[in-house]
Amino acid sequence: MKSYRDQTFCESDCINMICHLYYDQGVLKDAKDAGLPILTSDQSKGCSSYLKPKTVQEIGSHNEQ
């Protein structure tokens, strides 16, 4: 079966929006418009492009400096 872009998108909490595997509402809309299913998987382990989201504490400590 053919899937959207013939690739598996990353379903992790990564915030790297420039990654070619980044999954968001835009990808979902494009796939629906094309009538194709989307394959997803958490690919964050071992990924050199993975960027973890900042926690509220990390944001607060940065603002205090």
PDB file of N, CA and C in Angstrom:
ATOM      1  N   MET A   1       0.830  -1.174   0.000  1.00  0.00           N
ATOM      2  CA  MET A   1       0.000   0.000   0.000  1.00  0.00           C
ATOM      3  C   MET A   1       0.884   1.249   0.000  1.00  0.00           C
ATOM      4  N   LYS A   2       0.526   2.208  -0.778  1.00  0.00           N
ATOM      5  CA  LYS A   2       1.258   3.459  -0.855  1.00  0.00           C
ATOM      6  C   LYS A   2       0.842   4.365   0.303  1.00  0.00           C
ATOM      7  N   SER A   3       1.822   5.061   0.890  1.00  0.00           N
ATOM      8  CA  SER A   3       1.524   6.008   1.957  1.00  0.00           C
ATOM      9  C   SER A   3       1.992   7.402   1.532  1.00  0.00           C
ATOM     10  N   TYR A   4       1.554   8.411   2.271  1.00  0.00           N
ATOM     11  CA  TYR A   4       1.920   9.789   1.963  1.00  0.00           C
ATOM     12  C   TYR A   4       3.439   9.955   2.018  1.00  0.00           C
ATOM     13  N   ARG A   5       4.020  10.424   0.931  1.00  0.00           N
ATOM     14  CA  ARG A   5       5.458  10.649   0.734  1.00  0.00           C
ATOM     15  C   ARG A   5       6.275   9.360   0.853  1.00  0.00           C
ATOM     16  N   ASP A   6       5.634   8.207   0.905  1.00  0.00           N
ATOM     17  CA  ASP A   6       6.330   6.924   1.028  1.00  0.00           C
ATOM     18  C   ASP A   6       7.380   6.934   2.134  1.00  0.00           C
ATOM     19  N   GLN A   7       7.033   7.490   3.289  1.00  0.00           N
ATOM     20  CA  GLN A   7       7.957   7.519   4.416  1.00  0.00           C
ATOM     21  C   GLN A   7       7.184   7.413   5.718  1.00  0.00           C
ATOM     22  N   THR A   8       7.906   7.128   6.785  1.00  0.00           N
ATOM     23  CA  THR A   8       7.322   7.064   8.120  1.00  0.00           C
ATOM     24  C   THR A   8       7.684   8.339   8.860  1.00  0.00           C
ATOM     25  N   PHE A   9       6.682   9.097   9.275  1.00  0.00           N
ATOM     26  CA  PHE A   9       6.903  10.343  10.001  1.00  0.00           C
ATOM     27  C   PHE A   9       7.152  10.048  11.475  1.00  0.00           C
ATOM     28  N   CYS A  10       7.845  10.951  12.144  1.00  0.00           N
ATOM     29  CA  CYS A  10       8.176  10.770  13.552  1.00  0.00           C
ATOM     30  C   CYS A  10       7.031  11.279  14.423  1.00  0.00           C
ATOM     31  N   GLU A  11       6.642  10.440  15.367  1.00  0.00           N
ATOM     32  CA  GLU A  11       5.517  10.756  16.244  1.00  0.00           C
ATOM     33  C   GLU A  11       5.985  11.049  17.673  1.00  0.00           C
ATOM     34  N   SER A  12       7.216  11.514  17.833  1.00  0.00           N
ATOM     35  CA  SER A  12       7.746  11.803  19.162  1.00  0.00           C
ATOM     36  C   SER A  12       7.347  13.212  19.596  1.00  0.00           C
ATOM     37  N   ASP A  13       7.872  13.644  20.731  1.00  0.00           N
ATOM     38  CA  ASP A  13       7.608  14.993  21.228  1.00  0.00           C
ATOM     39  C   ASP A  13       8.627  16.003  20.710  1.00  0.00           C
ATOM     40  N   CYS A  14       9.393  15.620  19.718  1.00  0.00           N
ATOM     41  CA  CYS A  14      10.432  16.467  19.137  1.00  0.00           C
ATOM     42  C   CYS A  14       9.843  17.782  18.618  1.00  0.00           C
ATOM     43  N   ILE A  15      10.620  18.859  18.782  1.00  0.00           N
ATOM     44  CA  ILE A  15      10.150  20.172  18.318  1.00  0.00           C
ATOM     45  C   ILE A  15      10.952  20.682  17.115  1.00  0.00           C
ATOM     46  N   ASN A  16      11.713  19.801  16.473  1.00  0.00           N
ATOM     47  CA  ASN A  16      12.530  20.182  15.317  1.00  0.00           C
ATOM     48  C   ASN A  16      11.645  20.246  14.063  1.00  0.00           C
ATOM     49  N   MET A  17      11.107  21.417  13.810  1.00  0.00           N
ATOM     50  CA  MET A  17      10.159  21.589  12.711  1.00  0.00           C
ATOM     51  C   MET A  17      10.805  21.547  11.324  1.00  0.00           C
ATOM     52  N   ILE A  18      12.130  21.613  11.245  1.00  0.00           N
ATOM     53  CA  ILE A  18      12.776  21.550   9.930  1.00  0.00           C
ATOM     54  C   ILE A  18      13.164  20.123   9.542  1.00  0.00           C
ATOM     55  N   CYS A  19      12.933  19.182  10.443  1.00  0.00           N
ATOM     56  CA  CYS A  19      13.241  17.783  10.134  1.00  0.00           C
ATOM     57  C   CYS A  19      12.278  17.257   9.076  1.00  0.00           C
ATOM     58  N   HIS A  20      12.788  16.492   8.122  1.00  0.00           N
ATOM     59  CA  HIS A  20      11.933  15.965   7.053  1.00  0.00           C
ATOM     60  C   HIS A  20      10.942  14.912   7.559  1.00  0.00           C
ATOM     61  N   LEU A  21      11.120  14.430   8.786  1.00  0.00           N
ATOM     62  CA  LEU A  21      10.203  13.448   9.361  1.00  0.00           C
ATOM     63  C   LEU A  21       9.198  14.071  10.330  1.00  0.00           C
ATOM     64  N   TYR A  22       9.277  15.400  10.516  1.00  0.00           N
ATOM     65  CA  TYR A  22       8.390  16.093  11.468  1.00  0.00           C
ATOM     66  C   TYR A  22       6.926  15.935  11.066  1.00  0.00           C
ATOM     67  N   TYR A  23       6.105  15.547  12.029  1.00  0.00           N
ATOM     68  CA  TYR A  23       4.674  15.315  11.780  1.00  0.00           C
ATOM     69  C   TYR A  23       3.869  16.409  12.459  1.00  0.00           C
ATOM     70  N   ASP A  24       3.020  17.095  11.703  1.00  0.00           N
ATOM     71  CA  ASP A  24       2.162  18.129  12.261  1.00  0.00           C
ATOM     72  C   ASP A  24       0.838  18.178  11.501  1.00  0.00           C
ATOM     73  N   GLN A  25       0.010  19.146  11.810  1.00  0.00           N
ATOM     74  CA  GLN A  25      -1.307  19.258  11.181  1.00  0.00           C
ATOM     75  C   GLN A  25      -1.209  19.525   9.679  1.00  0.00           C
ATOM     76  N   GLY A  26      -0.130  20.170   9.244  1.00  0.00           N
ATOM     77  CA  GLY A  26       0.060  20.413   7.812  1.00  0.00           C
ATOM     78  C   GLY A  26       0.264  19.117   7.040  1.00  0.00           C
ATOM     79  N   VAL A  27       1.060  18.208   7.609  1.00  0.00           N
ATOM     80  CA  VAL A  27       1.269  16.899   6.993  1.00  0.00           C
ATOM     81  C   VAL A  27      -0.056  16.143   6.944  1.00  0.00           C
ATOM     82  N   LEU A  28      -0.796  16.181   8.047  1.00  0.00           N
ATOM     83  CA  LEU A  28      -2.087  15.498   8.110  1.00  0.00           C
ATOM     84  C   LEU A  28      -3.041  16.022   7.037  1.00  0.00           C
ATOM     85  N   LYS A  29      -3.109  17.349   6.887  1.00  0.00           N
ATOM     86  CA  LYS A  29      -3.999  17.948   5.886  1.00  0.00           C
ATOM     87  C   LYS A  29      -3.582  17.553   4.466  1.00  0.00           C
ATOM     88  N   ASP A  30      -2.287  17.636   4.184  1.00  0.00           N
ATOM     89  CA  ASP A  30      -1.796  17.280   2.848  1.00  0.00           C
ATOM     90  C   ASP A  30      -2.087  15.819   2.516  1.00  0.00           C
ATOM     91  N   ALA A  31      -1.912  14.935   3.492  1.00  0.00           N
ATOM     92  CA  ALA A  31      -2.175  13.510   3.264  1.00  0.00           C
ATOM     93  C   ALA A  31      -3.659  13.263   3.027  1.00  0.00           C
ATOM     94  N   LYS A  32      -4.507  13.951   3.792  1.00  0.00           N
ATOM     95  CA  LYS A  32      -5.963  13.806   3.588  1.00  0.00           C
ATOM     96  C   LYS A  32      -6.356  14.306   2.211  1.00  0.00           C
ATOM     97  N   ASP A  33      -5.785  15.446   1.801  1.00  0.00           N
ATOM     98  CA  ASP A  33      -6.076  15.991   0.474  1.00  0.00           C
ATOM     99  C   ASP A  33      -5.641  15.024  -0.629  1.00  0.00           C
ATOM    100  N   ALA A  34      -4.534  14.309  -0.404  1.00  0.00           N
ATOM    101  CA  ALA A  34      -4.034  13.347  -1.386  1.00  0.00           C
ATOM    102  C   ALA A  34      -4.752  12.001  -1.290  1.00  0.00           C
ATOM    103  N   GLY A  35      -5.523  11.823  -0.217  1.00  0.00           N
ATOM    104  CA  GLY A  35      -6.238  10.560  -0.030  1.00  0.00           C
ATOM    105  C   GLY A  35      -5.327   9.391   0.314  1.00  0.00           C
ATOM    106  N   LEU A  36      -4.214   9.697   0.978  1.00  0.00           N
ATOM    107  CA  LEU A  36      -3.241   8.657   1.315  1.00  0.00           C
ATOM    108  C   LEU A  36      -3.078   8.532   2.827  1.00  0.00           C
ATOM    109  N   PRO A  37      -2.814   7.323   3.312  1.00  0.00           N
ATOM    110  CA  PRO A  37      -2.583   7.138   4.743  1.00  0.00           C
ATOM    111  C   PRO A  37      -1.203   7.654   5.150  1.00  0.00           C
ATOM    112  N   ILE A  38      -1.036   7.908   6.445  1.00  0.00           N
ATOM    113  CA  ILE A  38       0.230   8.376   7.006  1.00  0.00           C
ATOM    114  C   ILE A  38       0.790   7.285   7.906  1.00  0.00           C
ATOM    115  N   LEU A  39       2.067   6.999   7.760  1.00  0.00           N
ATOM    116  CA  LEU A  39       2.750   6.073   8.649  1.00  0.00           C
ATOM    117  C   LEU A  39       3.518   6.887   9.683  1.00  0.00           C
ATOM    118  N   THR A  40       3.372   6.542  10.986  1.00  0.00           N
ATOM    119  CA  THR A  40       4.089   7.247  12.044  1.00  0.00           C
ATOM    120  C   THR A  40       4.735   6.255  12.998  1.00  0.00           C
ATOM    121  N   SER A  41       5.813   6.714  13.614  1.00  0.00           N
ATOM    122  CA  SER A  41       6.533   5.927  14.601  1.00  0.00           C
ATOM    123  C   SER A  41       7.409   6.881  15.403  1.00  0.00           C
ATOM    124  N   ASP A  42       7.617   6.585  16.698  1.00  0.00           N
ATOM    125  CA  ASP A  42       8.518   7.402  17.512  1.00  0.00           C
ATOM    126  C   ASP A  42       9.947   7.043  17.121  1.00  0.00           C
ATOM    127  N   GLN A  43      10.610   7.970  16.451  1.00  0.00           N
ATOM    128  CA  GLN A  43      11.966   7.736  15.966  1.00  0.00           C
ATOM    129  C   GLN A  43      13.000   8.564  16.727  1.00  0.00           C
ATOM    130  N   SER A  44      12.630   9.054  17.912  1.00  0.00           N
ATOM    131  CA  SER A  44      13.498   9.963  18.660  1.00  0.00           C
ATOM    132  C   SER A  44      14.743   9.294  19.240  1.00  0.00           C
ATOM    133  N   LYS A  45      14.663   8.034  19.600  1.00  0.00           N
ATOM    134  CA  LYS A  45      15.828   7.351  20.179  1.00  0.00           C
ATOM    135  C   LYS A  45      16.914   7.195  19.109  1.00  0.00           C
ATOM    136  N   GLY A  46      18.069   7.761  19.392  1.00  0.00           N
ATOM    137  CA  GLY A  46      19.185   7.663  18.456  1.00  0.00           C
ATOM    138  C   GLY A  46      19.149   8.669  17.322  1.00  0.00           C
ATOM    139  N   CYS A  47      18.175   9.547  17.313  1.00  0.00           N
ATOM    140  CA  CYS A  47      18.062  10.539  16.231  1.00  0.00           C
ATOM    141  C   CYS A  47      18.953  11.744  16.528  1.00  0.00           C
ATOM    142  N   SER A  48      19.838  12.071  15.615  1.00  0.00           N
ATOM    143  CA  SER A  48      20.749  13.205  15.811  1.00  0.00           C
ATOM    144  C   SER A  48      20.049  14.558  15.634  1.00  0.00           C
ATOM    145  N   SER A  49      18.848  14.562  15.083  1.00  0.00           N
ATOM    146  CA  SER A  49      18.098  15.804  14.880  1.00  0.00           C
ATOM    147  C   SER A  49      17.063  16.056  15.974  1.00  0.00           C
ATOM    148  N   TYR A  50      16.946  15.144  16.936  1.00  0.00           N
ATOM    149  CA  TYR A  50      15.926  15.252  17.986  1.00  0.00           C
ATOM    150  C   TYR A  50      16.171  16.467  18.880  1.00  0.00           C
ATOM    151  N   LEU A  51      15.140  17.278  19.055  1.00  0.00           N
ATOM    152  CA  LEU A  51      15.167  18.416  19.974  1.00  0.00           C
ATOM    153  C   LEU A  51      14.033  18.238  20.975  1.00  0.00           C
ATOM    154  N   LYS A  52      14.391  18.079  22.254  1.00  0.00           N
ATOM    155  CA  LYS A  52      13.351  17.876  23.256  1.00  0.00           C
ATOM    156  C   LYS A  52      12.669  19.197  23.585  1.00  0.00           C
ATOM    157  N   PRO A  53      11.381  19.141  23.917  1.00  0.00           N
ATOM    158  CA  PRO A  53      10.661  20.365  24.286  1.00  0.00           C
ATOM    159  C   PRO A  53      11.185  20.899  25.616  1.00  0.00           C
ATOM    160  N   LYS A  54      11.153  22.193  25.784  1.00  0.00           N
ATOM    161  CA  LYS A  54      11.559  22.791  27.059  1.00  0.00           C
ATOM    162  C   LYS A  54      10.422  22.643  28.067  1.00  0.00           C
ATOM    163  N   THR A  55      10.797  22.386  29.305  1.00  0.00           N
ATOM    164  CA  THR A  55       9.800  22.299  30.370  1.00  0.00           C
ATOM    165  C   THR A  55       9.522  23.697  30.905  1.00  0.00           C
ATOM    166  N   VAL A  56       8.470  23.838  31.666  1.00  0.00           N
ATOM    167  CA  VAL A  56       8.124  25.129  32.272  1.00  0.00           C
ATOM    168  C   VAL A  56       9.265  25.591  33.174  1.00  0.00           C
ATOM    169  N   GLN A  57       9.902  24.660  33.912  1.00  0.00           N
ATOM    170  CA  GLN A  57      11.013  25.029  34.792  1.00  0.00           C
ATOM    171  C   GLN A  57      12.201  25.550  33.989  1.00  0.00           C
ATOM    172  N   GLU A  58      12.513  24.913  32.851  1.00  0.00           N
ATOM    173  CA  GLU A  58      13.632  25.366  32.022  1.00  0.00           C
ATOM    174  C   GLU A  58      13.365  26.757  31.462  1.00  0.00           C
ATOM    175  N   ILE A  59      12.149  27.026  31.072  1.00  0.00           N
ATOM    176  CA  ILE A  59      11.781  28.334  30.537  1.00  0.00           C
ATOM    177  C   ILE A  59      11.875  29.379  31.638  1.00  0.00           C
ATOM    178  N   GLY A  60      11.393  29.045  32.836  1.00  0.00           N
ATOM    179  CA  GLY A  60      11.430  29.968  33.975  1.00  0.00           C
ATOM    180  C   GLY A  60      12.833  30.292  34.398  1.00  0.00           C
ATOM    181  N   SER A  61      13.724  29.307  34.451  1.00  0.00           N
ATOM    182  CA  SER A  61      15.101  29.557  34.874  1.00  0.00           C
ATOM    183  C   SER A  61      15.841  30.394  33.836  1.00  0.00           C
ATOM    184  N   HIS A  62      15.502  30.261  32.575  1.00  0.00           N
ATOM    185  CA  HIS A  62      16.135  31.058  31.521  1.00  0.00           C
ATOM    186  C   HIS A  62      15.707  32.531  31.646  1.00  0.00           C
ATOM    187  N   ASN A  63      14.449  32.768  31.989  1.00  0.00           N
ATOM    188  CA  ASN A  63      13.928  34.124  32.106  1.00  0.00           C
ATOM    189  C   ASN A  63      14.485  34.847  33.331  1.00  0.00           C
ATOM    190  N   GLU A  64      14.924  34.103  34.352  1.00  0.00           N
ATOM    191  CA  GLU A  64      15.447  34.720  35.581  1.00  0.00           C
ATOM    192  C   GLU A  64      16.858  35.222  35.407  1.00  0.00           C
ATOM    193  N   GLN A  65      17.569  34.791  34.394  1.00  0.00           N
ATOM    194  CA  GLN A  65      18.983  35.179  34.217  1.00  0.00           C
ATOM    195  C   GLN A  65      19.123  36.550  33.671  1.00  0.00           C
TER     196      GLN A  65
END
